[in-house]
Amino acid sequence: MSDYNNQSSDLTDIQIARLAYMGASIAALGDGLGAIAAGLALRSLEKANNQNPPSPNYNQSKETDDLQKQIDYIISELKQVRKVMR
């Protein structure tokens, strides 16, 4: 009976560790999104403060593409975490 209790405890510990890993991963990804948002806000404030003319469409398009790539990467990381949890 003691072996059964030890095995059950080990399984519970594994599940707890998986949840901790998932939580840490989601928190790290959330921090990444927060950093991206802060960077965008900073860039917007700097542009407004300097009252520069709008940048060419090419630069805006490149920035948008870069942000989309970062968001896609974060989404793929979340999918991998979800796979680990199954």
PDB file of N, CA and C in Angstrom:
ATOM      1  N   MET A   1       0.823  -1.201   0.000  1.00  0.00           N
ATOM      2  CA  MET A   1       0.000   0.000   0.000  1.00  0.00           C
ATOM      3  C   MET A   1       0.866   1.263   0.000  1.00  0.00           C
ATOM      4  N   SER A   2       2.016   1.168   0.648  1.00  0.00           N
ATOM      5  CA  SER A   2       2.915   2.305   0.704  1.00  0.00           C
ATOM      6  C   SER A   2       3.444   2.661  -0.680  1.00  0.00           C
ATOM      7  N   ASP A   3       3.712   1.635  -1.514  1.00  0.00           N
ATOM      8  CA  ASP A   3       4.176   1.886  -2.882  1.00  0.00           C
ATOM      9  C   ASP A   3       3.116   2.635  -3.682  1.00  0.00           C
ATOM     10  N   TYR A   4       1.849   2.273  -3.491  1.00  0.00           N
ATOM     11  CA  TYR A   4       0.757   2.947  -4.204  1.00  0.00           C
ATOM     12  C   TYR A   4       0.697   4.416  -3.809  1.00  0.00           C
ATOM     13  N   ASN A   5       0.832   4.687  -2.524  1.00  0.00           N
ATOM     14  CA  ASN A   5       0.790   6.070  -2.056  1.00  0.00           C
ATOM     15  C   ASN A   5       1.975   6.863  -2.607  1.00  0.00           C
ATOM     16  N   ASN A   6       3.136   6.249  -2.693  1.00  0.00           N
ATOM     17  CA  ASN A   6       4.310   6.931  -3.239  1.00  0.00           C
ATOM     18  C   ASN A   6       4.128   7.226  -4.722  1.00  0.00           C
ATOM     19  N   GLN A   7       3.564   6.256  -5.460  1.00  0.00           N
ATOM     20  CA  GLN A   7       3.331   6.470  -6.889  1.00  0.00           C
ATOM     21  C   GLN A   7       2.306   7.570  -7.108  1.00  0.00           C
ATOM     22  N   SER A   8       1.250   7.554  -6.300  1.00  0.00           N
ATOM     23  CA  SER A   8       0.218   8.584  -6.409  1.00  0.00           C
ATOM     24  C   SER A   8       0.798   9.963  -6.086  1.00  0.00           C
ATOM     25  N   SER A   9       1.651  10.015  -5.084  1.00  0.00           N
ATOM     26  CA  SER A   9       2.290  11.274  -4.707  1.00  0.00           C
ATOM     27  C   SER A   9       3.216  11.757  -5.816  1.00  0.00           C
ATOM     28  N   ASP A  10       3.950  10.814  -6.438  1.00  0.00           N
ATOM     29  CA  ASP A  10       4.830  11.185  -7.553  1.00  0.00           C
ATOM     30  C   ASP A  10       4.031  11.753  -8.713  1.00  0.00           C
ATOM     31  N   LEU A  11       2.893  11.135  -9.033  1.00  0.00           N
ATOM     32  CA  LEU A  11       2.057  11.633 -10.123  1.00  0.00           C
ATOM     33  C   LEU A  11       1.521  13.024  -9.807  1.00  0.00           C
ATOM     34  N   THR A  12       1.116  13.223  -8.566  1.00  0.00           N
ATOM     35  CA  THR A  12       0.624  14.535  -8.162  1.00  0.00           C
ATOM     36  C   THR A  12       1.734  15.575  -8.259  1.00  0.00           C
ATOM     37  N   ASP A  13       2.939  15.208  -7.851  1.00  0.00           N
ATOM     38  CA  ASP A  13       4.077  16.129  -7.947  1.00  0.00           C
ATOM     39  C   ASP A  13       4.370  16.489  -9.395  1.00  0.00           C
ATOM     40  N   ILE A  14       4.260  15.509 -10.287  1.00  0.00           N
ATOM     41  CA  ILE A  14       4.489  15.759 -11.712  1.00  0.00           C
ATOM     42  C   ILE A  14       3.437  16.718 -12.252  1.00  0.00           C
ATOM     43  N   GLN A  15       2.183  16.504 -11.874  1.00  0.00           N
ATOM     44  CA  GLN A  15       1.112  17.389 -12.338  1.00  0.00           C
ATOM     45  C   GLN A  15       1.321  18.804 -11.816  1.00  0.00           C
ATOM     46  N   ILE A  16       1.727  18.913 -10.580  1.00  0.00           N
ATOM     47  CA  ILE A  16       1.989  20.233  -9.995  1.00  0.00           C
ATOM     48  C   ILE A  16       3.136  20.912 -10.728  1.00  0.00           C
ATOM     49  N   ALA A  17       4.190  20.145 -11.022  1.00  0.00           N
ATOM     50  CA  ALA A  17       5.332  20.708 -11.749  1.00  0.00           C
ATOM     51  C   ALA A  17       4.918  21.151 -13.147  1.00  0.00           C
ATOM     52  N   ARG A  18       4.061  20.381 -13.811  1.00  0.00           N
ATOM     53  CA  ARG A  18       3.580  20.772 -15.139  1.00  0.00           C
ATOM     54  C   ARG A  18       2.787  22.068 -15.070  1.00  0.00           C
ATOM     55  N   LEU A  19       1.922  22.183 -14.078  1.00  0.00           N
ATOM     56  CA  LEU A  19       1.152  23.421 -13.919  1.00  0.00           C
ATOM     57  C   LEU A  19       2.063  24.606 -13.638  1.00  0.00           C
ATOM     58  N   ALA A  20       3.084  24.395 -12.827  1.00  0.00           N
ATOM     59  CA  ALA A  20       4.024  25.473 -12.531  1.00  0.00           C
ATOM     60  C   ALA A  20       4.764  25.893 -13.797  1.00  0.00           C
ATOM     61  N   TYR A  21       5.167  24.909 -14.603  1.00  0.00           N
ATOM     62  CA  TYR A  21       5.854  25.204 -15.864  1.00  0.00           C
ATOM     63  C   TYR A  21       4.940  25.982 -16.801  1.00  0.00           C
ATOM     64  N   MET A  22       3.704  25.553 -16.897  1.00  0.00           N
ATOM     65  CA  MET A  22       2.743  26.230 -17.774  1.00  0.00           C
ATOM     66  C   MET A  22       2.511  27.667 -17.302  1.00  0.00           C
ATOM     67  N   GLY A  23       2.334  27.835 -16.003  1.00  0.00           N
ATOM     68  CA  GLY A  23       2.122  29.175 -15.467  1.00  0.00           C
ATOM     69  C   GLY A  23       3.311  30.083 -15.710  1.00  0.00           C
ATOM     70  N   ALA A  24       4.517  29.568 -15.508  1.00  0.00           N
ATOM     71  CA  ALA A  24       5.722  30.365 -15.735  1.00  0.00           C
ATOM     72  C   ALA A  24       5.866  30.719 -17.212  1.00  0.00           C
ATOM     73  N   SER A  25       5.530  29.774 -18.086  1.00  0.00           N
ATOM     74  CA  SER A  25       5.623  30.042 -19.529  1.00  0.00           C
ATOM     75  C   SER A  25       4.642  31.120 -19.957  1.00  0.00           C
ATOM     76  N   ILE A  26       3.424  31.019 -19.473  1.00  0.00           N
ATOM     77  CA  ILE A  26       2.406  32.012 -19.822  1.00  0.00           C
ATOM     78  C   ILE A  26       2.789  33.385 -19.257  1.00  0.00           C
ATOM     79  N   ALA A  27       3.320  33.403 -18.046  1.00  0.00           N
ATOM     80  CA  ALA A  27       3.741  34.676 -17.454  1.00  0.00           C
ATOM     81  C   ALA A  27       4.874  35.305 -18.267  1.00  0.00           C
ATOM     82  N   ALA A  28       5.824  34.478 -18.703  1.00  0.00           N
ATOM     83  CA  ALA A  28       6.938  34.997 -19.505  1.00  0.00           C
ATOM     84  C   ALA A  28       6.438  35.539 -20.840  1.00  0.00           C
ATOM     85  N   LEU A  29       5.502  34.827 -21.456  1.00  0.00           N
ATOM     86  CA  LEU A  29       4.947  35.303 -22.723  1.00  0.00           C
ATOM     87  C   LEU A  29       4.154  36.588 -22.511  1.00  0.00           C
ATOM     88  N   GLY A  30       3.442  36.663 -21.404  1.00  0.00           N
ATOM     89  CA  GLY A  30       2.713  37.887 -21.084  1.00  0.00           C
ATOM     90  C   GLY A  30       3.653  39.061 -20.877  1.00  0.00           C
ATOM     91  N   ASP A  31       4.782  38.801 -20.226  1.00  0.00           N
ATOM     92  CA  ASP A  31       5.783  39.853 -20.050  1.00  0.00           C
ATOM     93  C   ASP A  31       6.312  40.315 -21.404  1.00  0.00           C
ATOM     94  N   GLY A  32       6.491  39.369 -22.316  1.00  0.00           N
ATOM     95  CA  GLY A  32       6.954  39.725 -23.658  1.00  0.00           C
ATOM     96  C   GLY A  32       5.954  40.616 -24.374  1.00  0.00           C
ATOM     97  N   LEU A  33       4.679  40.262 -24.275  1.00  0.00           N
ATOM     98  CA  LEU A  33       3.640  41.097 -24.886  1.00  0.00           C
ATOM     99  C   LEU A  33       3.604  42.480 -24.248  1.00  0.00           C
ATOM    100  N   GLY A  34       3.784  42.513 -22.936  1.00  0.00           N
ATOM    101  CA  GLY A  34       3.812  43.796 -22.236  1.00  0.00           C
ATOM    102  C   GLY A  34       4.974  44.661 -22.693  1.00  0.00           C
ATOM    103  N   ALA A  35       6.120  44.027 -22.914  1.00  0.00           N
ATOM    104  CA  ALA A  35       7.290  44.770 -23.392  1.00  0.00           C
ATOM    105  C   ALA A  35       7.051  45.316 -24.796  1.00  0.00           C
ATOM    106  N   ILE A  36       6.416  44.508 -25.642  1.00  0.00           N
ATOM    107  CA  ILE A  36       6.102  44.974 -27.003  1.00  0.00           C
ATOM    108  C   ILE A  36       5.158  46.168 -26.930  1.00  0.00           C
ATOM    109  N   ALA A  37       4.128  46.065 -26.100  1.00  0.00           N
ATOM    110  CA  ALA A  37       3.164  47.161 -25.965  1.00  0.00           C
ATOM    111  C   ALA A  37       3.840  48.420 -25.425  1.00  0.00           C
ATOM    112  N   ALA A  38       4.717  48.248 -24.453  1.00  0.00           N
ATOM    113  CA  ALA A  38       5.424  49.406 -23.895  1.00  0.00           C
ATOM    114  C   ALA A  38       6.309  50.056 -24.954  1.00  0.00           C
ATOM    115  N   GLY A  39       6.960  49.234 -25.759  1.00  0.00           N
ATOM    116  CA  GLY A  39       7.798  49.770 -26.833  1.00  0.00           C
ATOM    117  C   GLY A  39       6.989  50.554 -27.850  1.00  0.00           C
ATOM    118  N   LEU A  40       5.826  50.021 -28.198  1.00  0.00           N
ATOM    119  CA  LEU A  40       4.953  50.719 -29.140  1.00  0.00           C
ATOM    120  C   LEU A  40       4.467  52.049 -28.566  1.00  0.00           C
ATOM    121  N   ALA A  41       4.101  52.029 -27.289  1.00  0.00           N
ATOM    122  CA  ALA A  41       3.640  53.261 -26.649  1.00  0.00           C
ATOM    123  C   ALA A  41       4.760  54.295 -26.595  1.00  0.00           C
ATOM    124  N   LEU A  42       5.965  53.832 -26.267  1.00  0.00           N
ATOM    125  CA  LEU A  42       7.106  54.736 -26.211  1.00  0.00           C
ATOM    126  C   LEU A  42       7.386  55.345 -27.581  1.00  0.00           C
ATOM    127  N   ARG A  43       7.381  54.523 -28.599  1.00  0.00           N
ATOM    128  CA  ARG A  43       7.635  55.015 -29.963  1.00  0.00           C
ATOM    129  C   ARG A  43       6.575  56.041 -30.366  1.00  0.00           C
ATOM    130  N   SER A  44       5.331  55.761 -30.046  1.00  0.00           N
ATOM    131  CA  SER A  44       4.243  56.678 -30.383  1.00  0.00           C
ATOM    132  C   SER A  44       4.403  58.011 -29.655  1.00  0.00           C
ATOM    133  N   LEU A  45       4.752  57.956 -28.384  1.00  0.00           N
ATOM    134  CA  LEU A  45       4.949  59.190 -27.615  1.00  0.00           C
ATOM    135  C   LEU A  45       6.139  59.988 -28.137  1.00  0.00           C
ATOM    136  N   GLU A  46       7.215  59.296 -28.484  1.00  0.00           N
ATOM    137  CA  GLU A  46       8.384  59.996 -29.019  1.00  0.00           C
ATOM    138  C   GLU A  46       8.053  60.681 -30.341  1.00  0.00           C
ATOM    139  N   LYS A  47       7.301  60.004 -31.194  1.00  0.00           N
ATOM    140  CA  LYS A  47       6.910  60.611 -32.470  1.00  0.00           C
ATOM    141  C   LYS A  47       6.023  61.823 -32.245  1.00  0.00           C
ATOM    142  N   ALA A  48       5.077  61.709 -31.325  1.00  0.00           N
ATOM    143  CA  ALA A  48       4.174  62.824 -31.046  1.00  0.00           C
ATOM    144  C   ALA A  48       4.938  63.991 -30.424  1.00  0.00           C
ATOM    145  N   ASN A  49       5.883  63.672 -29.567  1.00  0.00           N
ATOM    146  CA  ASN A  49       6.654  64.718 -28.896  1.00  0.00           C
ATOM    147  C   ASN A  49       7.563  65.447 -29.875  1.00  0.00           C
ATOM    148  N   ASN A  50       8.155  64.719 -30.786  1.00  0.00           N
ATOM    149  CA  ASN A  50       9.052  65.341 -31.766  1.00  0.00           C
ATOM    150  C   ASN A  50       8.295  65.992 -32.914  1.00  0.00           C
ATOM    151  N   GLN A  51       7.041  65.691 -33.025  1.00  0.00           N
ATOM    152  CA  GLN A  51       6.174  66.199 -34.087  1.00  0.00           C
ATOM    153  C   GLN A  51       6.809  66.000 -35.456  1.00  0.00           C
ATOM    154  N   ASN A  52       7.361  64.819 -35.615  1.00  0.00           N
ATOM    155  CA  ASN A  52       7.946  64.457 -36.905  1.00  0.00           C
ATOM    156  C   ASN A  52       6.831  64.145 -37.887  1.00  0.00           C
ATOM    157  N   PRO A  53       7.091  64.369 -39.156  1.00  0.00           N
ATOM    158  CA  PRO A  53       6.097  63.946 -40.138  1.00  0.00           C
ATOM    159  C   PRO A  53       5.994  62.421 -40.100  1.00  0.00           C
ATOM    160  N   PRO A  54       4.874  61.898 -40.500  1.00  0.00           N
ATOM    161  CA  PRO A  54       4.717  60.446 -40.466  1.00  0.00           C
ATOM    162  C   PRO A  54       5.808  59.773 -41.286  1.00  0.00           C
ATOM    163  N   SER A  55       6.259  58.633 -40.799  1.00  0.00           N
ATOM    164  CA  SER A  55       7.298  57.907 -41.519  1.00  0.00           C
ATOM    165  C   SER A  55       6.703  57.282 -42.781  1.00  0.00           C
ATOM    166  N   PRO A  56       7.545  56.989 -43.750  1.00  0.00           N
ATOM    167  CA  PRO A  56       7.047  56.408 -44.993  1.00  0.00           C
ATOM    168  C   PRO A  56       6.289  55.107 -44.737  1.00  0.00           C
ATOM    169  N   ASN A  57       5.388  54.792 -45.647  1.00  0.00           N
ATOM    170  CA  ASN A  57       4.583  53.580 -45.500  1.00  0.00           C
ATOM    171  C   ASN A  57       5.440  52.335 -45.402  1.00  0.00           C
ATOM    172  N   TYR A  58       6.583  52.336 -46.064  1.00  0.00           N
ATOM    173  CA  TYR A  58       7.464  51.171 -46.028  1.00  0.00           C
ATOM    174  C   TYR A  58       7.881  50.858 -44.597  1.00  0.00           C
ATOM    175  N   ASN A  59       8.290  51.872 -43.845  1.00  0.00           N
ATOM    176  CA  ASN A  59       8.724  51.652 -42.466  1.00  0.00           C
ATOM    177  C   ASN A  59       7.576  51.171 -41.596  1.00  0.00           C
ATOM    178  N   GLN A  60       6.396  51.748 -41.780  1.00  0.00           N
ATOM    179  CA  GLN A  60       5.243  51.323 -41.000  1.00  0.00           C
ATOM    180  C   GLN A  60       4.882  49.882 -41.325  1.00  0.00           C
ATOM    181  N   SER A  61       4.964  49.530 -42.596  1.00  0.00           N
ATOM    182  CA  SER A  61       4.653  48.170 -43.007  1.00  0.00           C
ATOM    183  C   SER A  61       5.657  47.186 -42.411  1.00  0.00           C
ATOM    184  N   LYS A  62       6.937  47.559 -42.408  1.00  0.00           N
ATOM    185  CA  LYS A  62       7.967  46.694 -41.836  1.00  0.00           C
ATOM    186  C   LYS A  62       7.754  46.531 -40.338  1.00  0.00           C
ATOM    187  N   GLU A  63       7.434  47.607 -39.648  1.00  0.00           N
ATOM    188  CA  GLU A  63       7.168  47.534 -38.210  1.00  0.00           C
ATOM    189  C   GLU A  63       5.975  46.623 -37.939  1.00  0.00           C
ATOM    190  N   THR A  64       4.935  46.763 -38.743  1.00  0.00           N
ATOM    191  CA  THR A  64       3.749  45.921 -38.581  1.00  0.00           C
ATOM    192  C   THR A  64       4.094  44.462 -38.820  1.00  0.00           C
ATOM    193  N   ASP A  65       4.883  44.190 -39.849  1.00  0.00           N
ATOM    194  CA  ASP A  65       5.312  42.811 -40.130  1.00  0.00           C
ATOM    195  C   ASP A  65       6.139  42.246 -38.981  1.00  0.00           C
ATOM    196  N   ASP A  66       7.045  43.056 -38.435  1.00  0.00           N
ATOM    197  CA  ASP A  66       7.868  42.605 -37.310  1.00  0.00           C
ATOM    198  C   ASP A  66       7.007  42.276 -36.092  1.00  0.00           C
ATOM    199  N   LEU A  67       6.038  43.140 -35.814  1.00  0.00           N
ATOM    200  CA  LEU A  67       5.143  42.887 -34.682  1.00  0.00           C
ATOM    201  C   LEU A  67       4.317  41.626 -34.905  1.00  0.00           C
ATOM    202  N   GLN A  68       3.857  41.428 -36.131  1.00  0.00           N
ATOM    203  CA  GLN A  68       3.073  40.234 -36.428  1.00  0.00           C
ATOM    204  C   GLN A  68       3.919  38.978 -36.229  1.00  0.00           C
ATOM    205  N   LYS A  69       5.180  39.031 -36.628  1.00  0.00           N
ATOM    206  CA  LYS A  69       6.079  37.890 -36.426  1.00  0.00           C
ATOM    207  C   LYS A  69       6.269  37.599 -34.943  1.00  0.00           C
ATOM    208  N   GLN A  70       6.411  38.648 -34.130  1.00  0.00           N
ATOM    209  CA  GLN A  70       6.571  38.454 -32.689  1.00  0.00           C
ATOM    210  C   GLN A  70       5.317  37.848 -32.073  1.00  0.00           C
ATOM    211  N   ILE A  71       4.167  38.330 -32.491  1.00  0.00           N
ATOM    212  CA  ILE A  71       2.906  37.793 -31.973  1.00  0.00           C
ATOM    213  C   ILE A  71       2.736  36.342 -32.410  1.00  0.00           C
ATOM    214  N   ASP A  72       3.065  36.034 -33.663  1.00  0.00           N
ATOM    215  CA  ASP A  72       2.980  34.653 -34.149  1.00  0.00           C
ATOM    216  C   ASP A  72       3.902  33.735 -33.348  1.00  0.00           C
ATOM    217  N   TYR A  73       5.095  34.231 -33.014  1.00  0.00           N
ATOM    218  CA  TYR A  73       6.025  33.442 -32.224  1.00  0.00           C
ATOM    219  C   TYR A  73       5.443  33.157 -30.835  1.00  0.00           C
ATOM    220  N   ILE A  74       4.866  34.153 -30.206  1.00  0.00           N
ATOM    221  CA  ILE A  74       4.280  33.977 -28.879  1.00  0.00           C
ATOM    222  C   ILE A  74       3.124  32.982 -28.936  1.00  0.00           C
ATOM    223  N   ILE A  75       2.314  33.058 -29.975  1.00  0.00           N
ATOM    224  CA  ILE A  75       1.206  32.120 -30.129  1.00  0.00           C
ATOM    225  C   ILE A  75       1.734  30.696 -30.304  1.00  0.00           C
ATOM    226  N   SER A  76       2.793  30.537 -31.094  1.00  0.00           N
ATOM    227  CA  SER A  76       3.350  29.191 -31.281  1.00  0.00           C
ATOM    228  C   SER A  76       3.920  28.652 -29.969  1.00  0.00           C
ATOM    229  N   GLU A  77       4.506  29.511 -29.158  1.00  0.00           N
ATOM    230  CA  GLU A  77       5.015  29.085 -27.854  1.00  0.00           C
ATOM    231  C   GLU A  77       3.869  28.622 -26.955  1.00  0.00           C
ATOM    232  N   LEU A  78       2.766  29.348 -26.964  1.00  0.00           N
ATOM    233  CA  LEU A  78       1.608  28.938 -26.167  1.00  0.00           C
ATOM    234  C   LEU A  78       1.057  27.598 -26.636  1.00  0.00           C
ATOM    235  N   LYS A  79       1.052  27.366 -27.937  1.00  0.00           N
ATOM    236  CA  LYS A  79       0.595  26.082 -28.464  1.00  0.00           C
ATOM    237  C   LYS A  79       1.506  24.952 -28.001  1.00  0.00           C
ATOM    238  N   GLN A  80       2.812  25.202 -27.953  1.00  0.00           N
ATOM    239  CA  GLN A  80       3.737  24.177 -27.483  1.00  0.00           C
ATOM    240  C   GLN A  80       3.510  23.876 -26.008  1.00  0.00           C
ATOM    241  N   VAL A  81       3.250  24.905 -25.219  1.00  0.00           N
ATOM    242  CA  VAL A  81       2.962  24.694 -23.797  1.00  0.00           C
ATOM    243  C   VAL A  81       1.693  23.864 -23.652  1.00  0.00           C
ATOM    244  N   ARG A  82       0.705  24.168 -24.461  1.00  0.00           N
ATOM    245  CA  ARG A  82      -0.547  23.409 -24.397  1.00  0.00           C
ATOM    246  C   ARG A  82      -0.319  21.946 -24.755  1.00  0.00           C
ATOM    247  N   LYS A  83       0.537  21.666 -25.737  1.00  0.00           N
ATOM    248  CA  LYS A  83       0.850  20.293 -26.112  1.00  0.00           C
ATOM    249  C   LYS A  83       1.536  19.540 -24.966  1.00  0.00           C
ATOM    250  N   VAL A  84       2.432  20.236 -24.264  1.00  0.00           N
ATOM    251  CA  VAL A  84       3.143  19.622 -23.146  1.00  0.00           C
ATOM    252  C   VAL A  84       2.161  19.239 -22.033  1.00  0.00           C
ATOM    253  N   MET A  85       1.156  20.069 -21.867  1.00  0.00           N
ATOM    254  CA  MET A  85       0.183  19.831 -20.788  1.00  0.00           C
ATOM    255  C   MET A  85      -0.765  18.687 -21.077  1.00  0.00           C
ATOM    256  N   ARG A  86      -0.867  18.260 -22.319  1.00  0.00           N
ATOM    257  CA  ARG A  86      -1.808  17.171 -22.651  1.00  0.00           C
ATOM    258  C   ARG A  86      -1.235  15.824 -22.381  1.00  0.00           C
TER     259      ARG A  86
END
